[in-house]
């Protein structure tokens, strides 16, 4: 099974159950300042647990950065 995460293909034996599980794998140290989109649709963080992932989905993860 395959997902494209930030324009990079990643292969999984079994896809993460939902977007929340994927985010825990990809960004385990970050809980705030993260946004995610699935197939070009922004998903509110409250909806991550109910956002199911499918083979070939495209995920974009954006993190906030300090600076100016």
PDB file of N, CA and C in Angstrom:
ATOM      1  N   UNK A   1       0.856  -1.162   0.000  1.00  0.00           N
ATOM      2  CA  UNK A   1       0.000   0.000   0.000  1.00  0.00           C
ATOM      3  C   UNK A   1       0.908   1.233   0.000  1.00  0.00           C
ATOM      4  N   UNK A   2       0.435   2.270  -0.627  1.00  0.00           N
ATOM      5  CA  UNK A   2       1.286   3.424  -0.853  1.00  0.00           C
ATOM      6  C   UNK A   2       0.548   4.731  -0.581  1.00  0.00           C
ATOM      7  N   UNK A   3       1.257   5.660   0.049  1.00  0.00           N
ATOM      8  CA  UNK A   3       0.785   7.028   0.229  1.00  0.00           C
ATOM      9  C   UNK A   3       1.857   7.958  -0.307  1.00  0.00           C
ATOM     10  N   UNK A   4       1.454   9.102  -0.790  1.00  0.00           N
ATOM     11  CA  UNK A   4       2.406  10.151  -1.141  1.00  0.00           C
ATOM     12  C   UNK A   4       2.318  11.192  -0.035  1.00  0.00           C
ATOM     13  N   UNK A   5       3.433  11.376   0.674  1.00  0.00           N
ATOM     14  CA  UNK A   5       3.475  12.306   1.806  1.00  0.00           C
ATOM     15  C   UNK A   5       4.480  13.393   1.465  1.00  0.00           C
ATOM     16  N   UNK A   6       3.986  14.629   1.378  1.00  0.00           N
ATOM     17  CA  UNK A   6       4.819  15.772   0.996  1.00  0.00           C
ATOM     18  C   UNK A   6       5.619  15.464  -0.271  1.00  0.00           C
ATOM     19  N   UNK A   7       4.938  14.963  -1.273  1.00  0.00           N
ATOM     20  CA  UNK A   7       5.476  14.689  -2.608  1.00  0.00           C
ATOM     21  C   UNK A   7       6.480  13.538  -2.648  1.00  0.00           C
ATOM     22  N   UNK A   8       6.526  12.725  -1.601  1.00  0.00           N
ATOM     23  CA  UNK A   8       7.411  11.562  -1.551  1.00  0.00           C
ATOM     24  C   UNK A   8       6.562  10.317  -1.338  1.00  0.00           C
ATOM     25  N   UNK A   9       6.740   9.323  -2.201  1.00  0.00           N
ATOM     26  CA  UNK A   9       5.976   8.084  -2.057  1.00  0.00           C
ATOM     27  C   UNK A   9       6.536   7.245  -0.915  1.00  0.00           C
ATOM     28  N   UNK A  10       5.632   6.752  -0.086  1.00  0.00           N
ATOM     29  CA  UNK A  10       6.004   5.857   1.007  1.00  0.00           C
ATOM     30  C   UNK A  10       5.157   4.603   0.908  1.00  0.00           C
ATOM     31  N   UNK A  11       5.798   3.469   1.100  1.00  0.00           N
ATOM     32  CA  UNK A  11       5.115   2.182   1.025  1.00  0.00           C
ATOM     33  C   UNK A  11       4.894   1.647   2.439  1.00  0.00           C
ATOM     34  N   UNK A  12       3.714   1.105   2.676  1.00  0.00           N
ATOM     35  CA  UNK A  12       3.342   0.540   3.972  1.00  0.00           C
ATOM     36  C   UNK A  12       2.858  -0.885   3.761  1.00  0.00           C
ATOM     37  N   UNK A  13       3.201  -1.788   4.685  1.00  0.00           N
ATOM     38  CA  UNK A  13       2.617  -3.128   4.648  1.00  0.00           C
ATOM     39  C   UNK A  13       1.117  -3.031   4.892  1.00  0.00           C
ATOM     40  N   UNK A  14       0.770  -2.149   5.832  1.00  0.00           N
ATOM     41  CA  UNK A  14      -0.632  -1.875   6.153  1.00  0.00           C
ATOM     42  C   UNK A  14      -0.732  -0.371   6.371  1.00  0.00           C
ATOM     43  N   UNK A  15      -1.714   0.258   5.729  1.00  0.00           N
ATOM     44  CA  UNK A  15      -1.864   1.702   5.889  1.00  0.00           C
ATOM     45  C   UNK A  15      -2.231   2.047   7.329  1.00  0.00           C
ATOM     46  N   UNK A  16      -1.777   3.222   7.805  1.00  0.00           N
ATOM     47  CA  UNK A  16      -2.261   3.684   9.105  1.00  0.00           C
ATOM     48  C   UNK A  16      -3.785   3.758   9.073  1.00  0.00           C
ATOM     49  N   UNK A  17      -4.393   3.486  10.209  1.00  0.00           N
ATOM     50  CA  UNK A  17      -5.857   3.394  10.283  1.00  0.00           C
ATOM     51  C   UNK A  17      -6.543   4.690   9.855  1.00  0.00           C
ATOM     52  N   UNK A  18      -5.966   5.819  10.235  1.00  0.00           N
ATOM     53  CA  UNK A  18      -6.580   7.111   9.933  1.00  0.00           C
ATOM     54  C   UNK A  18      -5.491   8.187   9.886  1.00  0.00           C
ATOM     55  N   UNK A  19      -5.896   9.412   9.607  1.00  0.00           N
ATOM     56  CA  UNK A  19      -4.935  10.506   9.500  1.00  0.00           C
ATOM     57  C   UNK A  19      -4.237  10.760  10.833  1.00  0.00           C
ATOM     58  N   UNK A  20      -4.931  10.607  11.935  1.00  0.00           N
ATOM     59  CA  UNK A  20      -4.318  10.799  13.249  1.00  0.00           C
ATOM     60  C   UNK A  20      -3.171   9.803  13.468  1.00  0.00           C
ATOM     61  N   UNK A  21      -3.369   8.552  13.097  1.00  0.00           N
ATOM     62  CA  UNK A  21      -2.318   7.536  13.248  1.00  0.00           C
ATOM     63  C   UNK A  21      -1.125   7.857  12.352  1.00  0.00           C
ATOM     64  N   UNK A  22      -1.386   8.319  11.142  1.00  0.00           N
ATOM     65  CA  UNK A  22      -0.298   8.695  10.249  1.00  0.00           C
ATOM     66  C   UNK A  22       0.501   9.859  10.825  1.00  0.00           C
ATOM     67  N   UNK A  23      -0.195  10.843  11.348  1.00  0.00           N
ATOM     68  CA  UNK A  23       0.489  12.008  11.922  1.00  0.00           C
ATOM     69  C   UNK A  23       1.341  11.598  13.117  1.00  0.00           C
ATOM     70  N   UNK A  24       0.885  10.645  13.907  1.00  0.00           N
ATOM     71  CA  UNK A  24       1.673  10.152  15.038  1.00  0.00           C
ATOM     72  C   UNK A  24       2.953   9.469  14.552  1.00  0.00           C
ATOM     73  N   UNK A  25       2.883   8.809  13.400  1.00  0.00           N
ATOM     74  CA  UNK A  25       4.077   8.181  12.826  1.00  0.00           C
ATOM     75  C   UNK A  25       5.030   9.208  12.224  1.00  0.00           C
ATOM     76  N   UNK A  26       4.480  10.168  11.504  1.00  0.00           N
ATOM     77  CA  UNK A  26       5.299  11.131  10.772  1.00  0.00           C
ATOM     78  C   UNK A  26       5.816  12.272  11.639  1.00  0.00           C
ATOM     79  N   UNK A  27       5.045  12.687  12.614  1.00  0.00           N
ATOM     80  CA  UNK A  27       5.398  13.847  13.439  1.00  0.00           C
ATOM     81  C   UNK A  27       5.187  13.532  14.924  1.00  0.00           C
ATOM     82  N   UNK A  28       5.857  12.521  15.465  1.00  0.00           N
ATOM     83  CA  UNK A  28       5.567  12.100  16.840  1.00  0.00           C
ATOM     84  C   UNK A  28       5.847  13.166  17.900  1.00  0.00           C
ATOM     85  N   UNK A  29       6.772  14.066  17.631  1.00  0.00           N
ATOM     86  CA  UNK A  29       7.137  15.069  18.630  1.00  0.00           C
ATOM     87  C   UNK A  29       6.281  16.328  18.548  1.00  0.00           C
ATOM     88  N   UNK A  30       5.500  16.488  17.487  1.00  0.00           N
ATOM     89  CA  UNK A  30       4.713  17.702  17.314  1.00  0.00           C
ATOM     90  C   UNK A  30       3.239  17.424  17.557  1.00  0.00           C
ATOM     91  N   UNK A  31       2.620  18.295  18.335  1.00  0.00           N
ATOM     92  CA  UNK A  31       1.180  18.190  18.566  1.00  0.00           C
ATOM     93  C   UNK A  31       0.464  19.462  18.116  1.00  0.00           C
ATOM     94  N   UNK A  32       1.191  20.586  18.110  1.00  0.00           N
ATOM     95  CA  UNK A  32       0.589  21.868  17.740  1.00  0.00           C
ATOM     96  C   UNK A  32       1.333  22.448  16.551  1.00  0.00           C
ATOM     97  N   UNK A  33       0.704  23.366  15.872  1.00  0.00           N
ATOM     98  CA  UNK A  33       1.340  24.025  14.749  1.00  0.00           C
ATOM     99  C   UNK A  33       1.460  23.152  13.518  1.00  0.00           C
ATOM    100  N   UNK A  34       0.549  22.186  13.371  1.00  0.00           N
ATOM    101  CA  UNK A  34       0.577  21.279  12.221  1.00  0.00           C
ATOM    102  C   UNK A  34      -0.762  21.380  11.490  1.00  0.00           C
ATOM    103  N   UNK A  35      -0.688  21.391  10.176  1.00  0.00           N
ATOM    104  CA  UNK A  35      -1.888  21.310   9.347  1.00  0.00           C
ATOM    105  C   UNK A  35      -1.695  20.146   8.377  1.00  0.00           C
ATOM    106  N   UNK A  36      -2.794  19.545   7.977  1.00  0.00           N
ATOM    107  CA  UNK A  36      -2.707  18.422   7.056  1.00  0.00           C
ATOM    108  C   UNK A  36      -3.822  18.514   6.011  1.00  0.00           C
ATOM    109  N   UNK A  37      -3.465  18.087   4.806  1.00  0.00           N
ATOM    110  CA  UNK A  37      -4.443  18.010   3.719  1.00  0.00           C
ATOM    111  C   UNK A  37      -4.367  16.605   3.119  1.00  0.00           C
ATOM    112  N   UNK A  38      -5.514  16.069   2.772  1.00  0.00           N
ATOM    113  CA  UNK A  38      -5.596  14.775   2.095  1.00  0.00           C
ATOM    114  C   UNK A  38      -6.212  15.033   0.730  1.00  0.00           C
ATOM    115  N   UNK A  39      -5.462  14.672  -0.307  1.00  0.00           N
ATOM    116  CA  UNK A  39      -5.927  14.888  -1.676  1.00  0.00           C
ATOM    117  C   UNK A  39      -6.371  16.331  -1.905  1.00  0.00           C
ATOM    118  N   UNK A  40      -5.532  17.251  -1.447  1.00  0.00           N
ATOM    119  CA  UNK A  40      -5.720  18.702  -1.627  1.00  0.00           C
ATOM    120  C   UNK A  40      -6.900  19.278  -0.843  1.00  0.00           C
ATOM    121  N   UNK A  41      -7.400  18.546   0.145  1.00  0.00           N
ATOM    122  CA  UNK A  41      -8.475  19.061   0.994  1.00  0.00           C
ATOM    123  C   UNK A  41      -7.945  19.167   2.417  1.00  0.00           C
ATOM    124  N   UNK A  42      -7.962  20.386   2.977  1.00  0.00           N
ATOM    125  CA  UNK A  42      -7.483  20.582   4.338  1.00  0.00           C
ATOM    126  C   UNK A  42      -8.418  19.855   5.294  1.00  0.00           C
ATOM    127  N   UNK A  43      -7.806  19.131   6.238  1.00  0.00           N
ATOM    128  CA  UNK A  43      -8.583  18.368   7.217  1.00  0.00           C
ATOM    129  C   UNK A  43      -8.356  19.001   8.595  1.00  0.00           C
ATOM    130  N   UNK A  44      -9.404  19.508   9.242  1.00  0.00           N
ATOM    131  CA  UNK A  44      -9.236  20.066  10.588  1.00  0.00           C
ATOM    132  C   UNK A  44      -8.706  18.998  11.546  1.00  0.00           C
ATOM    133  N   UNK A  45      -7.881  19.415  12.474  1.00  0.00           N
ATOM    134  CA  UNK A  45      -7.262  18.464  13.396  1.00  0.00           C
ATOM    135  C   UNK A  45      -8.306  17.651  14.159  1.00  0.00           C
ATOM    136  N   UNK A  46      -9.436  18.220  14.455  1.00  0.00           N
ATOM    137  CA  UNK A  46     -10.496  17.490  15.157  1.00  0.00           C
ATOM    138  C   UNK A  46     -11.043  16.332  14.314  1.00  0.00           C
ATOM    139  N   UNK A  47     -10.863  16.390  13.000  1.00  0.00           N
ATOM    140  CA  UNK A  47     -11.364  15.341  12.109  1.00  0.00           C
ATOM    141  C   UNK A  47     -10.321  14.282  11.771  1.00  0.00           C
ATOM    142  N   UNK A  48      -9.085  14.437  12.203  1.00  0.00           N
ATOM    143  CA  UNK A  48      -8.044  13.456  11.905  1.00  0.00           C
ATOM    144  C   UNK A  48      -8.425  12.038  12.324  1.00  0.00           C
ATOM    145  N   UNK A  49      -9.025  11.839  13.526  1.00  0.00           N
ATOM    146  CA  UNK A  49      -9.346  10.462  13.930  1.00  0.00           C
ATOM    147  C   UNK A  49     -10.388   9.778  13.041  1.00  0.00           C
ATOM    148  N   UNK A  50     -11.220  10.536  12.356  1.00  0.00           N
ATOM    149  CA  UNK A  50     -12.275   9.938  11.534  1.00  0.00           C
ATOM    150  C   UNK A  50     -11.970  10.033  10.041  1.00  0.00           C
ATOM    151  N   UNK A  51     -10.787  10.542   9.698  1.00  0.00           N
ATOM    152  CA  UNK A  51     -10.383  10.644   8.297  1.00  0.00           C
ATOM    153  C   UNK A  51      -9.611   9.390   7.919  1.00  0.00           C
ATOM    154  N   UNK A  52     -10.286   8.483   7.221  1.00  0.00           N
ATOM    155  CA  UNK A  52      -9.678   7.217   6.824  1.00  0.00           C
ATOM    156  C   UNK A  52      -8.795   7.420   5.594  1.00  0.00           C
ATOM    157  N   UNK A  53      -7.705   6.687   5.536  1.00  0.00           N
ATOM    158  CA  UNK A  53      -6.777   6.793   4.417  1.00  0.00           C
ATOM    159  C   UNK A  53      -6.960   5.618   3.473  1.00  0.00           C
ATOM    160  N   UNK A  54      -6.741   5.889   2.179  1.00  0.00           N
ATOM    161  CA  UNK A  54      -6.851   4.853   1.154  1.00  0.00           C
ATOM    162  C   UNK A  54      -5.536   4.774   0.391  1.00  0.00           C
ATOM    163  N   UNK A  55      -5.301   3.625  -0.202  1.00  0.00           N
ATOM    164  CA  UNK A  55      -4.133   3.436  -1.042  1.00  0.00           C
ATOM    165  C   UNK A  55      -4.077   4.544  -2.097  1.00  0.00           C
ATOM    166  N   UNK A  56      -2.903   5.103  -2.301  1.00  0.00           N
ATOM    167  CA  UNK A  56      -2.618   6.144  -3.299  1.00  0.00           C
ATOM    168  C   UNK A  56      -3.078   7.535  -2.886  1.00  0.00           C
ATOM    169  N   UNK A  57      -3.537   7.734  -1.640  1.00  0.00           N
ATOM    170  CA  UNK A  57      -3.870   9.081  -1.182  1.00  0.00           C
ATOM    171  C   UNK A  57      -2.615   9.939  -1.174  1.00  0.00           C
ATOM    172  N   UNK A  58      -2.820  11.238  -1.339  1.00  0.00           N
ATOM    173  CA  UNK A  58      -1.746  12.212  -1.269  1.00  0.00           C
ATOM    174  C   UNK A  58      -1.941  13.052  -0.023  1.00  0.00           C
ATOM    175  N   UNK A  59      -0.932  13.083   0.855  1.00  0.00           N
ATOM    176  CA  UNK A  59      -1.015  13.799   2.123  1.00  0.00           C
ATOM    177  C   UNK A  59       0.007  14.930   2.105  1.00  0.00           C
ATOM    178  N   UNK A  60      -0.418  16.118   2.483  1.00  0.00           N
ATOM    179  CA  UNK A  60       0.489  17.245   2.623  1.00  0.00           C
ATOM    180  C   UNK A  60       0.481  17.652   4.087  1.00  0.00           C
ATOM    181  N   UNK A  61       1.656  17.677   4.694  1.00  0.00           N
ATOM    182  CA  UNK A  61       1.800  18.057   6.103  1.00  0.00           C
ATOM    183  C   UNK A  61       2.567  19.373   6.146  1.00  0.00           C
ATOM    184  N   UNK A  62       1.988  20.356   6.811  1.00  0.00           N
ATOM    185  CA  UNK A  62       2.604  21.676   6.917  1.00  0.00           C
ATOM    186  C   UNK A  62       2.819  21.975   8.393  1.00  0.00           C
ATOM    187  N   UNK A  63       4.021  22.456   8.728  1.00  0.00           N
ATOM    188  CA  UNK A  63       4.304  22.833  10.111  1.00  0.00           C
ATOM    189  C   UNK A  63       4.597  24.326  10.181  1.00  0.00           C
ATOM    190  N   UNK A  64       4.164  24.935  11.259  1.00  0.00           N
ATOM    191  CA  UNK A  64       4.433  26.344  11.491  1.00  0.00           C
ATOM    192  C   UNK A  64       5.895  26.518  11.877  1.00  0.00           C
ATOM    193  N   UNK A  65       6.453  27.640  11.466  1.00  0.00           N
ATOM    194  CA  UNK A  65       7.851  27.945  11.798  1.00  0.00           C
ATOM    195  C   UNK A  65       7.944  29.375  12.327  1.00  0.00           C
ATOM    196  N   UNK A  66       8.809  29.572  13.293  1.00  0.00           N
ATOM    197  CA  UNK A  66       9.015  30.918  13.812  1.00  0.00           C
ATOM    198  C   UNK A  66       9.940  31.687  12.875  1.00  0.00           C
ATOM    199  N   UNK A  67       9.833  32.956  12.956  1.00  0.00           N
ATOM    200  CA  UNK A  67      10.706  33.796  12.129  1.00  0.00           C
ATOM    201  C   UNK A  67       9.894  34.906  11.491  1.00  0.00           C
ATOM    202  N   UNK A  68      10.530  35.598  10.618  1.00  0.00           N
ATOM    203  CA  UNK A  68       9.790  36.684  10.011  1.00  0.00           C
ATOM    204  C   UNK A  68      10.449  37.207   8.792  1.00  0.00           C
TER     205      UNK A  68
END
